[in-house]
Amino acid sequence: MNEKLEEARRTFLDRMAAVSFSLINQERDAMVVNNDTFFQLDGDDEDITPQSDLSLPNRSIFVVTTAALPWRTGTAVNPLLRAAYLSRKMKEINNKNNNQTNATTSEQQIVTLMKEINSNNQTNATTSEQQMVTLVIPWLELEEDRLELYGNNHNFTTSQEQEDYIRDWLRGANMNEEADPVNGLRILFYPARYHSGLKSIFAMGDICATLRNQTEGSQTEGSLLSNA
């Protein structure tokens, strides 16, 4: 039994390593120096790469973690708060960018584009209200797993019920705007199981494939994956 667990653990770690290398190799400013785990980046070490620059407007950010409320663990609470604050910050960045874009328009342009003002305002409002940050969390498919981890007081029958609980928790933390299901933080579930022996939640499938499906056809500058 221990040998099977060790083999499964090694397979899991190998897959995670392969995904990490794949993501790193996709970075435009990263170059593999050798077959080891060392990489050389162009520019100064303190430079912010475009892929990690959170000040760029219209970024699409996914915060992925392996636990969720009501499990009161740091792996559930910290990513939730991080995603909520990122959602708030991204709205500020997008609103600032929209205001700067409007301010640079010359008087002559304003006169000639009077007929398009309403449509432009609607577009800007839509951009600022987009759900730019997504919290990606596990949904325990089996009721026995949910009962063991969350207890009888939180026996969710659907992922929507768990999402409602999480949004209520955010409201209790004075984050009402971030708790808004339409304009606030977006929550995405992936199927998972709870392993009582390891006291951990494991994804039942390819999370990266789930994220790719969510970003296909996106009109944003790009996607930033943040592992928590």
C-alpha atoms as a PDB file:
ATOM      1  CA  MET A   1       0.000   0.000   0.000  1.00  0.00           C
ATOM      2  CA  ASN A   2       2.826   2.387   0.915  1.00  0.00           C
ATOM      3  CA  GLU A   3       4.580   1.620  -2.367  1.00  0.00           C
ATOM      4  CA  LYS A   4       1.434   2.497  -4.316  1.00  0.00           C
ATOM      5  CA  LEU A   5       1.059   5.760  -2.417  1.00  0.00           C
ATOM      6  CA  GLU A   6       4.688   6.628  -3.065  1.00  0.00           C
ATOM      7  CA  GLU A   7       4.310   5.831  -6.758  1.00  0.00           C
ATOM      8  CA  ALA A   8       1.170   7.982  -6.966  1.00  0.00           C
ATOM      9  CA  ARG A   9       2.957  10.806  -5.155  1.00  0.00           C
ATOM     10  CA  ARG A  10       5.903  10.685  -7.542  1.00  0.00           C
ATOM     11  CA  THR A  11       3.585  10.642 -10.555  1.00  0.00           C
ATOM     12  CA  PHE A  12       1.726  13.654  -9.188  1.00  0.00           C
ATOM     13  CA  LEU A  13       4.965  15.584  -8.572  1.00  0.00           C
ATOM     14  CA  ASP A  14       6.268  14.709 -12.032  1.00  0.00           C
ATOM     15  CA  ARG A  15       3.076  16.052 -13.611  1.00  0.00           C
ATOM     16  CA  MET A  16       3.284  19.259 -11.596  1.00  0.00           C
ATOM     17  CA  ALA A  17       6.912  19.698 -12.615  1.00  0.00           C
ATOM     18  CA  ALA A  18       6.018  19.177 -16.274  1.00  0.00           C
ATOM     19  CA  VAL A  19       3.259  21.804 -16.067  1.00  0.00           C
ATOM     20  CA  SER A  20       5.608  24.258 -14.354  1.00  0.00           C
ATOM     21  CA  PHE A  21       8.286  23.818 -16.996  1.00  0.00           C
ATOM     22  CA  SER A  22       5.689  24.240 -19.739  1.00  0.00           C
ATOM     23  CA  LEU A  23       4.469  27.528 -18.256  1.00  0.00           C
ATOM     24  CA  ILE A  24       7.997  28.840 -17.784  1.00  0.00           C
ATOM     25  CA  ASN A  25       8.975  27.965 -21.341  1.00  0.00           C
ATOM     26  CA  GLN A  26       6.033  29.986 -22.633  1.00  0.00           C
ATOM     27  CA  GLU A  27       7.428  33.165 -21.071  1.00  0.00           C
ATOM     28  CA  ARG A  28       8.735  35.389 -23.843  1.00  0.00           C
ATOM     29  CA  ASP A  29      11.661  36.684 -21.798  1.00  0.00           C
ATOM     30  CA  ALA A  30      12.750  33.372 -20.274  1.00  0.00           C
ATOM     31  CA  MET A  31      15.491  31.176 -21.658  1.00  0.00           C
ATOM     32  CA  VAL A  32      16.506  27.737 -20.449  1.00  0.00           C
ATOM     33  CA  VAL A  33      20.197  27.732 -19.592  1.00  0.00           C
ATOM     34  CA  ASN A  34      20.543  23.975 -19.201  1.00  0.00           C
ATOM     35  CA  ASN A  35      18.531  20.883 -18.395  1.00  0.00           C
ATOM     36  CA  ASP A  36      18.573  21.777 -14.721  1.00  0.00           C
ATOM     37  CA  THR A  37      16.069  24.017 -12.967  1.00  0.00           C
ATOM     38  CA  PHE A  38      18.036  27.236 -13.582  1.00  0.00           C
ATOM     39  CA  PHE A  39      16.745  29.945 -15.877  1.00  0.00           C
ATOM     40  CA  GLN A  40      18.260  33.160 -17.135  1.00  0.00           C
ATOM     41  CA  LEU A  41      16.018  36.204 -17.570  1.00  0.00           C
ATOM     42  CA  ASP A  42      16.728  39.150 -19.836  1.00  0.00           C
ATOM     43  CA  GLY A  43      17.211  42.465 -18.044  1.00  0.00           C
ATOM     44  CA  ASP A  44      17.683  43.271 -14.390  1.00  0.00           C
ATOM     45  CA  ASP A  45      16.479  40.828 -11.741  1.00  0.00           C
ATOM     46  CA  GLU A  46      14.267  43.545 -10.267  1.00  0.00           C
ATOM     47  CA  ASP A  47      12.546  44.317 -13.581  1.00  0.00           C
ATOM     48  CA  ILE A  48       8.862  43.416 -13.774  1.00  0.00           C
ATOM     49  CA  THR A  49       8.077  41.252 -16.790  1.00  0.00           C
ATOM     50  CA  PRO A  50       4.926  41.990 -18.828  1.00  0.00           C
ATOM     51  CA  GLN A  51       3.562  38.601 -17.821  1.00  0.00           C
ATOM     52  CA  SER A  52       3.686  39.481 -14.104  1.00  0.00           C
ATOM     53  CA  ASP A  53       2.934  43.217 -14.260  1.00  0.00           C
ATOM     54  CA  LEU A  54      -0.330  43.593 -12.357  1.00  0.00           C
ATOM     55  CA  SER A  55      -0.486  47.312 -13.150  1.00  0.00           C
ATOM     56  CA  LEU A  56      -1.387  46.581 -16.776  1.00  0.00           C
ATOM     57  CA  PRO A  57      -5.126  47.095 -17.415  1.00  0.00           C
ATOM     58  CA  ASN A  58      -7.549  44.375 -18.454  1.00  0.00           C
ATOM     59  CA  ARG A  59      -5.501  41.509 -17.084  1.00  0.00           C
ATOM     60  CA  SER A  60      -7.304  38.233 -16.498  1.00  0.00           C
ATOM     61  CA  ILE A  61      -6.091  36.672 -13.244  1.00  0.00           C
ATOM     62  CA  PHE A  62      -6.770  33.175 -11.920  1.00  0.00           C
ATOM     63  CA  VAL A  63      -5.949  32.365  -8.300  1.00  0.00           C
ATOM     64  CA  VAL A  64      -5.832  28.582  -7.961  1.00  0.00           C
ATOM     65  CA  THR A  65      -5.838  26.778  -4.631  1.00  0.00           C
ATOM     66  CA  THR A  66      -6.593  23.345  -3.197  1.00  0.00           C
ATOM     67  CA  ALA A  67      -8.962  24.256  -0.373  1.00  0.00           C
ATOM     68  CA  ALA A  68     -12.097  26.327   0.147  1.00  0.00           C
ATOM     69  CA  LEU A  69     -14.323  27.634   2.904  1.00  0.00           C
ATOM     70  CA  PRO A  70     -15.853  26.490   5.177  1.00  0.00           C
ATOM     71  CA  TRP A  71     -12.587  24.614   5.740  1.00  0.00           C
ATOM     72  CA  ARG A  72     -10.810  27.197   7.910  1.00  0.00           C
ATOM     73  CA  THR A  73      -7.309  26.561   6.674  1.00  0.00           C
ATOM     74  CA  GLY A  74      -4.769  29.031   5.353  1.00  0.00           C
ATOM     75  CA  THR A  75      -4.925  27.368   1.947  1.00  0.00           C
ATOM     76  CA  ALA A  76      -8.592  28.369   1.771  1.00  0.00           C
ATOM     77  CA  VAL A  77      -8.661  31.755   3.512  1.00  0.00           C
ATOM     78  CA  ASN A  78      -5.458  33.354   2.200  1.00  0.00           C
ATOM     79  CA  PRO A  79      -6.147  32.799  -1.533  1.00  0.00           C
ATOM     80  CA  LEU A  80      -9.747  33.970  -1.075  1.00  0.00           C
ATOM     81  CA  LEU A  81      -8.626  37.258   0.472  1.00  0.00           C
ATOM     82  CA  ARG A  82      -5.815  37.606  -2.068  1.00  0.00           C
ATOM     83  CA  ALA A  83      -8.260  37.151  -4.939  1.00  0.00           C
ATOM     84  CA  ALA A  84     -10.749  39.587  -3.403  1.00  0.00           C
ATOM     85  CA  TYR A  85      -8.124  42.304  -2.969  1.00  0.00           C
ATOM     86  CA  LEU A  86      -6.814  41.665  -6.481  1.00  0.00           C
ATOM     87  CA  SER A  87     -10.358  42.089  -7.783  1.00  0.00           C
ATOM     88  CA  ARG A  88     -10.604  45.437  -6.007  1.00  0.00           C
ATOM     89  CA  LYS A  89      -7.200  46.560  -7.297  1.00  0.00           C
ATOM     90  CA  MET A  90      -7.911  45.525 -10.886  1.00  0.00           C
ATOM     91  CA  LYS A  91     -11.069  47.636 -10.898  1.00  0.00           C
ATOM     92  CA  GLU A  92      -9.037  50.627  -9.742  1.00  0.00           C
ATOM     93  CA  ILE A  93      -6.448  50.032 -12.472  1.00  0.00           C
ATOM     94  CA  ASN A  94      -9.083  49.617 -15.198  1.00  0.00           C
ATOM     95  CA  ASN A  95     -11.013  52.707 -14.082  1.00  0.00           C
ATOM     96  CA  LYS A  96      -7.805  54.754 -13.995  1.00  0.00           C
ATOM     97  CA  ASN A  97      -6.878  53.555 -17.471  1.00  0.00           C
ATOM     98  CA  ASN A  98     -10.326  54.459 -18.811  1.00  0.00           C
ATOM     99  CA  ASN A  99     -10.122  57.935 -17.287  1.00  0.00           C
ATOM    100  CA  GLN A 100      -6.660  58.517 -18.761  1.00  0.00           C
ATOM    101  CA  THR A 101      -7.854  57.368 -22.173  1.00  0.00           C
ATOM    102  CA  ASN A 102     -10.788  59.751 -22.053  1.00  0.00           C
ATOM    103  CA  ALA A 103      -8.586  62.635 -20.843  1.00  0.00           C
ATOM    104  CA  THR A 104      -6.199  62.356 -23.798  1.00  0.00           C
ATOM    105  CA  THR A 105      -8.947  62.861 -26.326  1.00  0.00           C
ATOM    106  CA  SER A 106      -8.574  66.285 -27.990  1.00  0.00           C
ATOM    107  CA  GLU A 107     -11.384  68.815 -28.287  1.00  0.00           C
ATOM    108  CA  GLN A 108     -11.514  68.314 -32.049  1.00  0.00           C
ATOM    109  CA  GLN A 109     -11.915  64.592 -31.591  1.00  0.00           C
ATOM    110  CA  ILE A 110     -14.677  65.128 -29.058  1.00  0.00           C
ATOM    111  CA  VAL A 111     -16.595  67.265 -31.547  1.00  0.00           C
ATOM    112  CA  THR A 112     -16.273  64.730 -34.345  1.00  0.00           C
ATOM    113  CA  LEU A 113     -17.088  61.751 -32.107  1.00  0.00           C
ATOM    114  CA  MET A 114     -20.129  63.183 -30.336  1.00  0.00           C
ATOM    115  CA  LYS A 115     -22.367  60.534 -31.841  1.00  0.00           C
ATOM    116  CA  GLU A 116     -20.166  57.793 -30.391  1.00  0.00           C
ATOM    117  CA  ILE A 117     -19.919  59.111 -26.840  1.00  0.00           C
ATOM    118  CA  ASN A 118     -22.770  57.017 -25.491  1.00  0.00           C
ATOM    119  CA  SER A 119     -21.445  53.820 -26.981  1.00  0.00           C
ATOM    120  CA  ASN A 120     -17.924  54.585 -25.734  1.00  0.00           C
ATOM    121  CA  ASN A 121     -19.211  55.225 -22.236  1.00  0.00           C
ATOM    122  CA  GLN A 122     -21.048  51.927 -22.292  1.00  0.00           C
ATOM    123  CA  THR A 123     -17.887  50.160 -23.422  1.00  0.00           C
ATOM    124  CA  ASN A 124     -15.813  51.773 -20.678  1.00  0.00           C
ATOM    125  CA  ALA A 125     -18.404  50.868 -18.057  1.00  0.00           C
ATOM    126  CA  THR A 126     -18.412  47.282 -19.246  1.00  0.00           C
ATOM    127  CA  THR A 127     -14.611  47.092 -19.077  1.00  0.00           C
ATOM    128  CA  SER A 128     -14.446  48.491 -15.551  1.00  0.00           C
ATOM    129  CA  GLU A 129     -17.158  46.120 -14.346  1.00  0.00           C
ATOM    130  CA  GLN A 130     -15.671  42.970 -15.869  1.00  0.00           C
ATOM    131  CA  GLN A 131     -14.844  40.147 -13.508  1.00  0.00           C
ATOM    132  CA  MET A 132     -11.103  40.213 -14.073  1.00  0.00           C
ATOM    133  CA  VAL A 133     -10.158  37.934 -11.151  1.00  0.00           C
ATOM    134  CA  THR A 134     -11.280  34.328 -10.763  1.00  0.00           C
ATOM    135  CA  LEU A 135     -10.820  32.192  -7.654  1.00  0.00           C
ATOM    136  CA  VAL A 136     -10.428  28.550  -8.681  1.00  0.00           C
ATOM    137  CA  ILE A 137     -11.325  26.179  -5.851  1.00  0.00           C
ATOM    138  CA  PRO A 138     -12.220  22.502  -5.358  1.00  0.00           C
ATOM    139  CA  TRP A 139     -15.737  21.107  -5.286  1.00  0.00           C
ATOM    140  CA  LEU A 140     -15.863  17.840  -3.364  1.00  0.00           C
ATOM    141  CA  GLU A 141     -18.037  15.643  -5.547  1.00  0.00           C
ATOM    142  CA  LEU A 142     -18.800  13.012  -2.923  1.00  0.00           C
ATOM    143  CA  GLU A 143     -21.160  13.854  -0.076  1.00  0.00           C
ATOM    144  CA  GLU A 144     -19.124  11.697   2.298  1.00  0.00           C
ATOM    145  CA  ASP A 145     -16.080  13.867   1.617  1.00  0.00           C
ATOM    146  CA  ARG A 146     -18.038  17.066   2.276  1.00  0.00           C
ATOM    147  CA  LEU A 147     -19.494  15.698   5.503  1.00  0.00           C
ATOM    148  CA  GLU A 148     -16.095  14.551   6.767  1.00  0.00           C
ATOM    149  CA  LEU A 149     -14.377  17.858   6.002  1.00  0.00           C
ATOM    150  CA  TYR A 150     -17.128  20.453   6.494  1.00  0.00           C
ATOM    151  CA  GLY A 151     -19.395  18.718   8.995  1.00  0.00           C
ATOM    152  CA  ASN A 152     -23.186  18.429   9.165  1.00  0.00           C
ATOM    153  CA  ASN A 153     -23.646  22.194   9.510  1.00  0.00           C
ATOM    154  CA  HIS A 154     -22.297  22.787   6.015  1.00  0.00           C
ATOM    155  CA  ASN A 155     -23.643  19.882   4.014  1.00  0.00           C
ATOM    156  CA  PHE A 156     -23.773  21.620   0.634  1.00  0.00           C
ATOM    157  CA  THR A 157     -25.690  19.739  -2.032  1.00  0.00           C
ATOM    158  CA  THR A 158     -24.447  21.906  -4.903  1.00  0.00           C
ATOM    159  CA  SER A 159     -21.375  24.028  -5.605  1.00  0.00           C
ATOM    160  CA  GLN A 160     -23.687  27.050  -5.856  1.00  0.00           C
ATOM    161  CA  GLU A 161     -24.593  26.642  -2.180  1.00  0.00           C
ATOM    162  CA  GLN A 162     -20.913  26.623  -1.268  1.00  0.00           C
ATOM    163  CA  GLU A 163     -20.304  29.679  -3.446  1.00  0.00           C
ATOM    164  CA  ASP A 164     -23.146  31.507  -1.682  1.00  0.00           C
ATOM    165  CA  TYR A 165     -21.537  30.655   1.661  1.00  0.00           C
ATOM    166  CA  ILE A 166     -18.175  32.031   0.503  1.00  0.00           C
ATOM    167  CA  ARG A 167     -19.752  35.267  -0.743  1.00  0.00           C
ATOM    168  CA  ASP A 168     -21.593  35.690   2.570  1.00  0.00           C
ATOM    169  CA  TRP A 169     -18.255  35.264   4.344  1.00  0.00           C
ATOM    170  CA  LEU A 170     -16.768  38.040   2.182  1.00  0.00           C
ATOM    171  CA  ARG A 171     -19.677  40.314   3.059  1.00  0.00           C
ATOM    172  CA  GLY A 172     -18.986  39.614   6.714  1.00  0.00           C
ATOM    173  CA  ALA A 173     -15.394  40.733   6.066  1.00  0.00           C
ATOM    174  CA  ASN A 174     -16.703  44.100   4.735  1.00  0.00           C
ATOM    175  CA  MET A 175     -15.974  43.186   1.113  1.00  0.00           C
ATOM    176  CA  ASN A 176     -19.453  43.668  -0.311  1.00  0.00           C
ATOM    177  CA  GLU A 177     -18.355  44.750  -3.783  1.00  0.00           C
ATOM    178  CA  GLU A 178     -15.992  41.806  -4.102  1.00  0.00           C
ATOM    179  CA  ALA A 179     -18.789  39.468  -2.936  1.00  0.00           C
ATOM    180  CA  ASP A 180     -21.088  40.622  -5.745  1.00  0.00           C
ATOM    181  CA  PRO A 181     -21.625  37.590  -8.044  1.00  0.00           C
ATOM    182  CA  VAL A 182     -22.047  39.820 -11.122  1.00  0.00           C
ATOM    183  CA  ASN A 183     -19.372  42.511 -10.822  1.00  0.00           C
ATOM    184  CA  GLY A 184     -17.186  41.180  -8.029  1.00  0.00           C
ATOM    185  CA  LEU A 185     -14.946  38.178  -7.609  1.00  0.00           C
ATOM    186  CA  ARG A 186     -15.658  35.282  -9.941  1.00  0.00           C
ATOM    187  CA  ILE A 187     -15.579  31.773  -8.470  1.00  0.00           C
ATOM    188  CA  LEU A 188     -14.821  28.677 -10.527  1.00  0.00           C
ATOM    189  CA  PHE A 189     -14.961  25.118  -9.181  1.00  0.00           C
ATOM    190  CA  TYR A 190     -13.041  22.049 -10.302  1.00  0.00           C
ATOM    191  CA  PRO A 191     -13.970  18.468  -9.309  1.00  0.00           C
ATOM    192  CA  ALA A 192     -11.978  17.100  -6.379  1.00  0.00           C
ATOM    193  CA  ARG A 193     -11.766  14.440  -3.672  1.00  0.00           C
ATOM    194  CA  TYR A 194     -10.698  14.625  -0.040  1.00  0.00           C
ATOM    195  CA  HIS A 195      -8.035  12.173   1.099  1.00  0.00           C
ATOM    196  CA  SER A 196      -8.605  11.629   4.825  1.00  0.00           C
ATOM    197  CA  GLY A 197      -5.287   9.850   5.292  1.00  0.00           C
ATOM    198  CA  LEU A 198      -3.272  12.755   3.872  1.00  0.00           C
ATOM    199  CA  LYS A 199      -5.723  15.403   5.125  1.00  0.00           C
ATOM    200  CA  SER A 200      -5.595  16.990   1.681  1.00  0.00           C
ATOM    201  CA  ILE A 201      -7.812  17.726  -1.314  1.00  0.00           C
ATOM    202  CA  PHE A 202      -6.768  16.483  -4.739  1.00  0.00           C
ATOM    203  CA  ALA A 203      -8.095  17.579  -8.116  1.00  0.00           C
ATOM    204  CA  MET A 204      -9.890  14.918 -10.152  1.00  0.00           C
ATOM    205  CA  GLY A 205      -8.794  16.092 -13.568  1.00  0.00           C
ATOM    206  CA  ASP A 206      -6.612  18.620 -15.377  1.00  0.00           C
ATOM    207  CA  ILE A 207      -7.031  22.067 -13.797  1.00  0.00           C
ATOM    208  CA  CYS A 208      -4.938  23.681 -16.537  1.00  0.00           C
ATOM    209  CA  ALA A 209      -7.349  22.358 -19.165  1.00  0.00           C
ATOM    210  CA  THR A 210     -10.226  23.922 -17.211  1.00  0.00           C
ATOM    211  CA  LEU A 211      -8.443  27.278 -17.221  1.00  0.00           C
ATOM    212  CA  ARG A 212      -7.668  27.033 -20.936  1.00  0.00           C
ATOM    213  CA  ASN A 213     -11.367  26.505 -21.626  1.00  0.00           C
ATOM    214  CA  GLN A 214     -12.146  29.619 -19.609  1.00  0.00           C
ATOM    215  CA  THR A 215      -9.624  31.824 -21.444  1.00  0.00           C
ATOM    216  CA  GLU A 216     -10.322  30.737 -25.028  1.00  0.00           C
ATOM    217  CA  GLY A 217     -11.693  33.640 -27.007  1.00  0.00           C
ATOM    218  CA  SER A 218     -10.789  36.131 -24.285  1.00  0.00           C
ATOM    219  CA  GLN A 219     -10.232  39.718 -25.391  1.00  0.00           C
ATOM    220  CA  THR A 220      -8.011  40.577 -22.424  1.00  0.00           C
ATOM    221  CA  GLU A 221      -4.272  41.222 -22.558  1.00  0.00           C
ATOM    222  CA  GLY A 222      -3.532  37.789 -21.162  1.00  0.00           C
ATOM    223  CA  SER A 223      -3.956  35.454 -18.232  1.00  0.00           C
ATOM    224  CA  LEU A 224      -1.912  35.323 -15.080  1.00  0.00           C
ATOM    225  CA  LEU A 225      -1.969  32.061 -13.173  1.00  0.00           C
ATOM    226  CA  SER A 226      -1.290  32.441  -9.460  1.00  0.00           C
ATOM    227  CA  ASN A 227      -0.845  29.244  -7.525  1.00  0.00           C
ATOM    228  CA  ALA A 228      -1.780  29.425  -3.862  1.00  0.00           C
END
